[in-house]
Protein backbone atom coordinates (compact mmCIF):
# COMPACT_ATOMS: atom_id res chain seq x y z
CA MET A 1 22.55 -15.25 43.06
CA SER A 2 22.59 -19.27 42.97
CA PRO A 3 23.83 -20.98 39.74
CA GLU A 4 20.04 -22.78 39.66
CA HIS A 5 18.24 -19.53 39.78
CA CYS A 6 20.60 -18.22 36.68
CA ASN A 7 19.61 -21.31 34.84
CA MET A 8 16.32 -20.81 35.57
CA GLU A 9 16.45 -17.01 34.21
CA LEU A 10 18.09 -18.19 30.98
CA VAL A 11 15.53 -21.07 30.54
CA ASN A 12 12.64 -18.65 30.84
CA ARG A 13 13.77 -15.26 29.21
CA THR A 14 14.20 -17.34 26.16
CA GLU A 15 14.43 -15.08 22.78
CA ILE A 16 10.99 -15.04 20.82
CA PHE A 17 10.88 -15.40 16.96
CA GLU A 18 7.27 -15.79 16.47
CA PHE A 19 4.15 -16.10 18.60
CA PHE A 20 0.51 -18.05 18.87
CA LEU A 21 -2.55 -15.95 18.59
CA LYS A 22 -5.03 -17.87 20.45
CA GLY A 23 -7.77 -15.83 19.17
CA PHE A 24 -11.34 -17.99 18.86
CA SER A 25 -9.48 -21.19 18.58
CA GLY A 26 -11.34 -22.40 21.62
CA TYR A 27 -14.79 -21.97 19.91
CA PRO A 28 -14.48 -24.08 16.50
CA ALA A 29 -18.14 -23.19 16.21
CA LEU A 30 -17.64 -19.46 16.50
CA GLU A 31 -15.05 -19.38 14.05
CA HIS A 32 -16.98 -21.19 11.40
CA LEU A 33 -19.83 -18.27 11.95
CA LEU A 34 -16.57 -15.35 12.16
CA PHE A 35 -15.12 -16.29 8.99
CA PRO A 36 -17.92 -15.46 6.56
CA LEU A 37 -19.17 -12.92 8.44
CA CYS A 38 -15.74 -11.16 9.18
CA SER A 39 -15.06 -11.35 5.23
CA ALA A 40 -18.18 -9.74 4.23
CA MET A 41 -17.84 -7.06 6.60
CA TYR A 42 -14.25 -6.57 4.99
CA LEU A 43 -15.33 -6.75 1.60
CA VAL A 44 -17.89 -3.85 2.52
CA THR A 45 -15.29 -1.60 3.94
CA LEU A 46 -12.88 -1.87 1.61
CA LEU A 47 -15.49 -0.75 -1.16
CA GLY A 48 -17.64 1.52 0.23
CA ASN A 49 -14.89 3.39 2.00
CA THR A 50 -12.73 3.45 -1.28
CA ALA A 51 -15.99 4.61 -3.05
CA ILE A 52 -15.85 7.88 -0.48
CA VAL A 53 -12.35 8.38 -1.22
CA ALA A 54 -12.65 8.10 -4.73
CA VAL A 55 -15.76 9.96 -5.34
CA SER A 56 -14.49 13.30 -2.99
CA VAL A 57 -11.02 13.29 -5.19
CA LEU A 58 -12.45 13.03 -8.52
CA ASP A 59 -15.72 15.27 -7.58
CA VAL A 60 -14.55 19.10 -7.30
CA HIS A 61 -17.75 19.71 -5.51
CA LEU A 62 -16.67 17.59 -2.98
CA HIS A 63 -13.29 19.53 -3.00
CA THR A 64 -14.26 21.15 0.86
CA PRO A 65 -13.01 20.59 4.25
CA MET A 66 -15.71 18.26 5.14
CA TYR A 67 -15.23 15.88 2.68
CA PHE A 68 -11.33 16.35 2.66
CA PHE A 69 -11.54 14.98 6.54
CA LEU A 70 -14.32 12.34 5.15
CA GLY A 71 -11.74 10.82 2.75
CA ASN A 72 -9.06 11.01 5.96
CA LEU A 73 -11.52 8.92 7.48
CA SER A 74 -12.12 6.24 4.93
CA ILE A 75 -8.50 5.93 4.41
CA LEU A 76 -7.79 5.41 8.07
CA ASP A 77 -10.50 2.54 8.06
CA ILE A 78 -9.14 0.96 5.19
CA CYS A 79 -5.83 0.99 6.94
CA TYR A 80 -6.61 0.11 10.16
CA THR A 81 -8.97 -2.90 9.07
CA SER A 82 -6.31 -4.36 6.70
CA THR A 83 -3.50 -4.31 9.75
CA PHE A 84 -5.51 -7.19 11.12
CA VAL A 85 -8.48 -8.59 9.33
CA PRO A 86 -6.62 -10.29 6.67
CA LEU A 87 -4.68 -12.44 9.24
CA MET A 88 -7.11 -13.11 11.12
CA LEU A 89 -9.17 -14.59 8.30
CA VAL A 90 -6.51 -16.79 7.54
CA HIS A 91 -6.16 -18.03 10.95
CA LEU A 92 -9.96 -18.86 11.13
CA LEU A 93 -9.69 -21.59 8.63
CA SER A 94 -6.38 -22.76 10.05
CA ALA A 95 -4.93 -24.27 12.79
CA GLN A 96 -1.65 -22.87 12.66
CA LYS A 97 -1.85 -19.38 14.18
CA THR A 98 1.57 -17.93 14.22
CA ILE A 99 2.57 -14.53 13.60
CA SER A 100 6.73 -13.56 13.54
CA PHE A 101 8.23 -11.35 16.06
CA VAL A 102 8.72 -8.58 13.58
CA GLY A 103 5.00 -9.06 12.09
CA CYS A 104 3.57 -8.70 15.28
CA ALA A 105 5.35 -5.55 16.55
CA ILE A 106 4.56 -3.90 12.81
CA GLN A 107 0.97 -4.85 13.48
CA MET A 108 0.97 -3.44 16.73
CA CYS A 109 2.33 -0.57 15.91
CA LEU A 110 -0.04 0.31 12.59
CA SER A 111 -2.87 -0.77 14.93
CA LEU A 112 -2.47 1.73 17.32
CA ALA A 113 -1.23 4.65 14.79
CA THR A 114 -4.55 4.31 12.76
CA GLY A 115 -6.76 3.78 15.57
CA SER A 116 -5.31 6.67 18.12
CA THR A 117 -5.34 8.89 14.60
CA GLU A 118 -8.81 7.70 13.96
CA CYS A 119 -9.70 9.24 17.57
CA LEU A 120 -8.08 12.68 17.00
CA LEU A 121 -9.75 12.78 13.39
CA LEU A 122 -13.34 12.48 14.68
CA ALA A 123 -12.62 15.52 17.26
CA ILE A 124 -11.05 17.67 14.15
CA MET A 125 -14.41 16.62 12.12
CA ALA A 126 -16.52 17.88 15.20
CA TYR A 127 -14.77 20.97 15.17
CA ASP A 128 -14.99 21.34 11.45
CA ARG A 129 -19.01 20.94 11.77
CA TYR A 130 -18.85 23.44 14.39
CA LEU A 131 -17.31 26.09 12.50
CA ALA A 132 -19.52 25.19 9.82
CA ILE A 133 -22.71 25.22 11.44
CA CYS A 134 -22.18 28.34 14.25
CA ARG A 135 -19.68 30.21 12.15
CA PRO A 136 -20.86 29.78 8.78
CA LEU A 137 -19.51 33.55 7.46
CA ARG A 138 -16.19 32.73 8.63
CA TYR A 139 -16.08 29.51 7.72
CA PRO A 140 -14.43 29.49 4.67
CA VAL A 141 -11.27 31.75 6.45
CA LEU A 142 -11.46 29.82 9.61
CA MET A 143 -10.96 26.56 7.79
CA SER A 144 -8.61 27.11 5.13
CA HIS A 145 -7.36 24.42 2.98
CA ARG A 146 -3.44 24.94 4.81
CA LEU A 147 -5.41 24.17 8.13
CA CYS A 148 -6.75 21.32 6.87
CA LEU A 149 -3.39 20.06 5.96
CA LEU A 150 -1.98 21.14 8.92
CA LEU A 151 -4.84 19.05 11.23
CA ALA A 152 -4.81 15.75 9.35
CA GLY A 153 -1.05 16.14 8.95
CA ALA A 154 -0.51 16.31 12.86
CA ALA A 155 -2.84 13.89 13.69
CA TRP A 156 -0.96 11.23 11.31
CA VAL A 157 2.18 12.44 12.31
CA LEU A 158 1.59 12.69 16.23
CA CYS A 159 0.01 9.42 16.54
CA LEU A 160 2.48 7.55 14.34
CA VAL A 161 5.61 8.80 16.68
CA LYS A 162 3.32 8.07 19.51
CA SER A 163 2.27 4.27 18.51
CA VAL A 164 6.01 3.72 17.37
CA THR A 165 6.98 4.52 20.95
CA GLU A 166 4.71 2.42 22.85
CA THR A 167 5.20 -0.68 20.58
CA VAL A 168 9.47 -0.13 20.95
CA ILE A 169 8.94 -0.19 24.94
CA ALA A 170 6.63 -3.47 24.50
CA MET A 171 8.53 -5.61 22.25
CA ARG A 172 12.11 -4.29 23.89
CA LEU A 173 10.64 -6.64 27.27
CA PRO A 174 11.85 -9.82 28.13
CA PHE A 175 9.53 -12.09 27.10
CA CYS A 176 9.15 -15.77 28.87
CA GLY A 177 9.15 -19.22 27.27
CA HIS A 178 5.20 -18.69 26.94
CA ARG A 179 4.29 -17.17 23.76
CA MET A 180 0.22 -17.46 23.38
CA VAL A 181 -1.10 -14.20 22.88
CA SER A 182 -4.39 -14.64 24.04
CA HIS A 183 -6.02 -12.31 21.43
CA PHE A 184 -6.91 -12.78 17.81
CA THR A 185 -4.32 -9.88 17.13
CA CYS A 186 -1.12 -8.73 18.41
CA GLU A 187 -2.94 -5.96 20.30
CA ILE A 188 -0.47 -4.52 23.02
CA LEU A 189 -2.04 -5.31 26.20
CA ALA A 190 -2.50 -9.31 25.36
CA VAL A 191 1.27 -9.17 24.04
CA LEU A 192 2.28 -7.41 27.58
CA LYS A 193 0.95 -9.95 29.70
CA LEU A 194 3.64 -12.59 28.33
CA ALA A 195 6.91 -9.88 29.64
CA CYS A 196 8.68 -11.67 32.05
CA SER A 197 10.13 -8.21 33.66
CA ASP A 198 8.07 -5.04 35.01
CA THR A 199 5.32 -3.72 32.58
CA SER A 200 4.86 -0.49 34.59
CA VAL A 201 6.76 2.01 31.94
CA SER A 202 5.11 0.58 29.30
CA GLU A 203 1.82 0.84 31.04
CA VAL A 204 1.94 4.65 31.78
CA PHE A 205 2.90 5.27 28.05
CA LEU A 206 -0.71 3.54 27.34
CA LEU A 207 -2.53 5.20 29.97
CA VAL A 208 -1.10 8.74 29.21
CA GLY A 209 -2.22 7.94 25.94
CA ALA A 210 -5.50 6.32 26.60
CA ILE A 211 -6.34 10.10 28.34
CA LEU A 212 -5.00 12.61 25.45
CA LEU A 213 -6.98 10.25 23.16
CA LEU A 214 -9.83 9.46 24.56
CA PRO A 215 -11.71 11.67 27.36
CA ILE A 216 -9.82 14.80 26.04
CA PRO A 217 -11.34 14.48 22.30
CA LEU A 218 -14.77 12.89 23.33
CA ALA A 219 -15.20 16.09 25.59
CA PHE A 220 -13.98 18.40 22.78
CA ILE A 221 -16.76 16.57 20.57
CA CYS A 222 -19.60 16.86 23.07
CA LEU A 223 -18.93 20.17 23.58
CA SER A 224 -18.79 20.69 19.79
CA TYR A 225 -21.98 19.26 19.24
CA THR A 226 -24.02 20.96 22.41
CA LEU A 227 -22.77 24.39 20.62
CA ILE A 228 -24.02 22.91 16.91
CA LEU A 229 -27.67 22.02 18.77
CA ALA A 230 -27.75 25.18 20.78
CA THR A 231 -27.46 26.70 17.37
CA ILE A 232 -29.49 24.34 15.00
CA LEU A 233 -32.42 25.23 17.89
CA ARG A 234 -32.55 28.61 16.65
CA VAL A 235 -33.14 27.75 13.17
CA PRO A 236 -36.49 29.24 12.32
CA SER A 237 -37.28 26.34 9.43
CA ALA A 238 -38.82 22.65 10.51
CA ALA A 239 -37.19 21.07 7.75
CA GLY A 240 -33.95 22.49 8.20
CA ARG A 241 -33.72 21.34 12.16
CA ARG A 242 -34.71 18.22 11.15
CA LYS A 243 -32.16 17.92 8.85
CA ALA A 244 -29.30 19.00 11.06
CA PHE A 245 -30.74 17.00 13.74
CA SER A 246 -30.58 13.64 11.70
CA THR A 247 -26.89 14.37 10.61
CA CYS A 248 -25.62 15.27 13.90
CA SER A 249 -27.60 12.10 15.51
CA ALA A 250 -25.51 9.71 12.91
CA HIS A 251 -22.40 11.72 13.54
CA LEU A 252 -22.73 11.06 17.18
CA ALA A 253 -23.85 7.53 16.93
CA VAL A 254 -20.32 6.39 15.21
CA VAL A 255 -18.49 8.67 17.86
CA MET A 256 -20.21 7.02 20.69
CA LEU A 257 -20.23 3.41 19.11
CA PHE A 258 -16.25 4.28 18.65
CA TYR A 259 -15.09 5.46 21.35
CA GLY A 260 -17.77 3.63 24.14
CA THR A 261 -16.05 -0.10 22.77
CA VAL A 262 -11.97 1.54 22.99
CA ILE A 263 -12.77 3.35 26.18
CA PHE A 264 -13.94 -0.53 27.68
CA MET A 265 -11.15 -1.93 26.14
CA TYR A 266 -8.70 0.19 27.56
CA MET A 267 -9.73 1.63 30.59
CA LYS A 268 -11.83 -0.91 32.21
CA PRO A 269 -10.07 -2.69 35.45
CA LYS A 270 -7.47 -4.95 34.36
CA SER A 271 -8.12 -8.82 34.62
CA LYS A 272 -5.51 -11.71 34.43
CA GLU A 273 -7.63 -13.98 32.22
CA ALA A 274 -9.08 -12.69 28.75
CA HIS A 275 -12.27 -13.10 28.23
CA ILE A 276 -14.50 -14.08 24.81
CA SER A 277 -16.60 -10.76 25.73
CA ASP A 278 -13.22 -8.41 25.07
CA GLU A 279 -12.63 -10.27 21.55
CA VAL A 280 -16.32 -9.92 20.39
CA PHE A 281 -16.19 -6.34 21.39
CA THR A 282 -12.87 -5.46 19.80
CA VAL A 283 -14.12 -7.19 16.41
CA LEU A 284 -17.30 -5.12 16.76
CA TYR A 285 -15.30 -1.72 17.01
CA ALA A 286 -12.67 -2.84 14.74
CA VAL A 287 -14.89 -4.28 11.96
CA VAL A 288 -18.63 -3.22 12.38
CA THR A 289 -17.56 1.01 13.04
CA PRO A 290 -15.36 1.22 9.74
CA MET A 291 -17.95 -0.94 7.70
CA LEU A 292 -20.74 1.93 8.91
CA ASN A 293 -18.61 4.83 8.99
CA PRO A 294 -19.26 5.28 4.76
CA VAL A 295 -22.94 4.78 5.46
CA ILE A 296 -23.57 6.94 8.15
CA TYR A 297 -21.29 9.63 7.58
CA SER A 298 -21.36 10.03 3.56
CA LEU A 299 -23.94 7.68 1.93
CA ARG A 300 -27.08 9.17 3.17
CA ASN A 301 -25.40 12.38 2.01
CA LYS A 302 -27.36 13.62 -0.79
CA GLU A 303 -23.86 15.40 -1.67
CA VAL A 304 -22.15 11.99 -1.91
CA LYS A 305 -24.77 10.58 -3.58
CA GLU A 306 -25.37 12.97 -6.61
CA ALA A 307 -21.26 13.27 -6.86
CA ALA A 308 -21.31 9.30 -7.30
CA ARG A 309 -23.81 9.26 -9.68
CA LYS A 310 -21.73 11.52 -11.84
CA VAL A 311 -18.57 10.22 -11.51
CA TRP A 312 -20.12 6.56 -12.37
CA CYS A 313 -22.03 8.20 -15.60
CA ARG A 314 -19.01 9.82 -16.79
CA SER A 315 -17.01 6.60 -16.48
CA TRP A 316 -19.45 4.87 -18.66
CA THR A 317 -19.47 7.66 -21.26
CA SER A 318 -15.75 7.78 -21.29
CA LYS A 319 -15.89 3.86 -22.36
């Protein structure tokens, strides 16, 4: 190898201390539109999901598997959006759109972990609804408190280990002098495009994770709701059928929104150039879905409304 080639390698493989997040910097009008919109959606996400967690903890009538998993979903939504929305809002108003190397790794890991956990949790929630509707007599035994803790804990731990592994593999790659991430977060696929060396190992890990967390849980969810619908159709009461159909359609709407956009982002053919449509879709599943989850999953539920009213009345009475 010639000395010139060695020098070129040293120049290209510079040590990265920070990244520049391109985001929507090429669309200033879009930035001015997104800041109030994303700020409002983030605030609604925090308030709505915090209210769900508080009500499910404070009201003993909601100490059931369904609301235990809903509480976990709300905590996930708060954590997931908080990994990137605050910094994104700062960057929408700032010309300096940088993030440290360590900060980028932490953001990448937490985003992957919380997003992956939500994939599994949606499947667990579908299984819970299947047992509640199709096996009502054995439901308290089959879905015990211990099993609830085991399922939720396993989802959190397994996805965290998976995400730490993917992040370490990606961030240990040598990066070229170009530090511009064509995204508004340290999204792993966008960061991998900056690597100077072969990224096939990281891409294989991502592909295996995508298969395990996307089509398999989605197929399980579809199977669960197919069995649920078959059971509902045998319900003699028309009012009971309408109520159950409404609940299932609401759950499936969020599932399809979440999985549909994630599959579009991570399983579509790769492109060398980032498109603004990719980032718009990312905002859709990353900000809009967590905001809608409290409404679709819980706030339309009479039990949650009644529990929230009782908690509110108790808090005012105690004052």
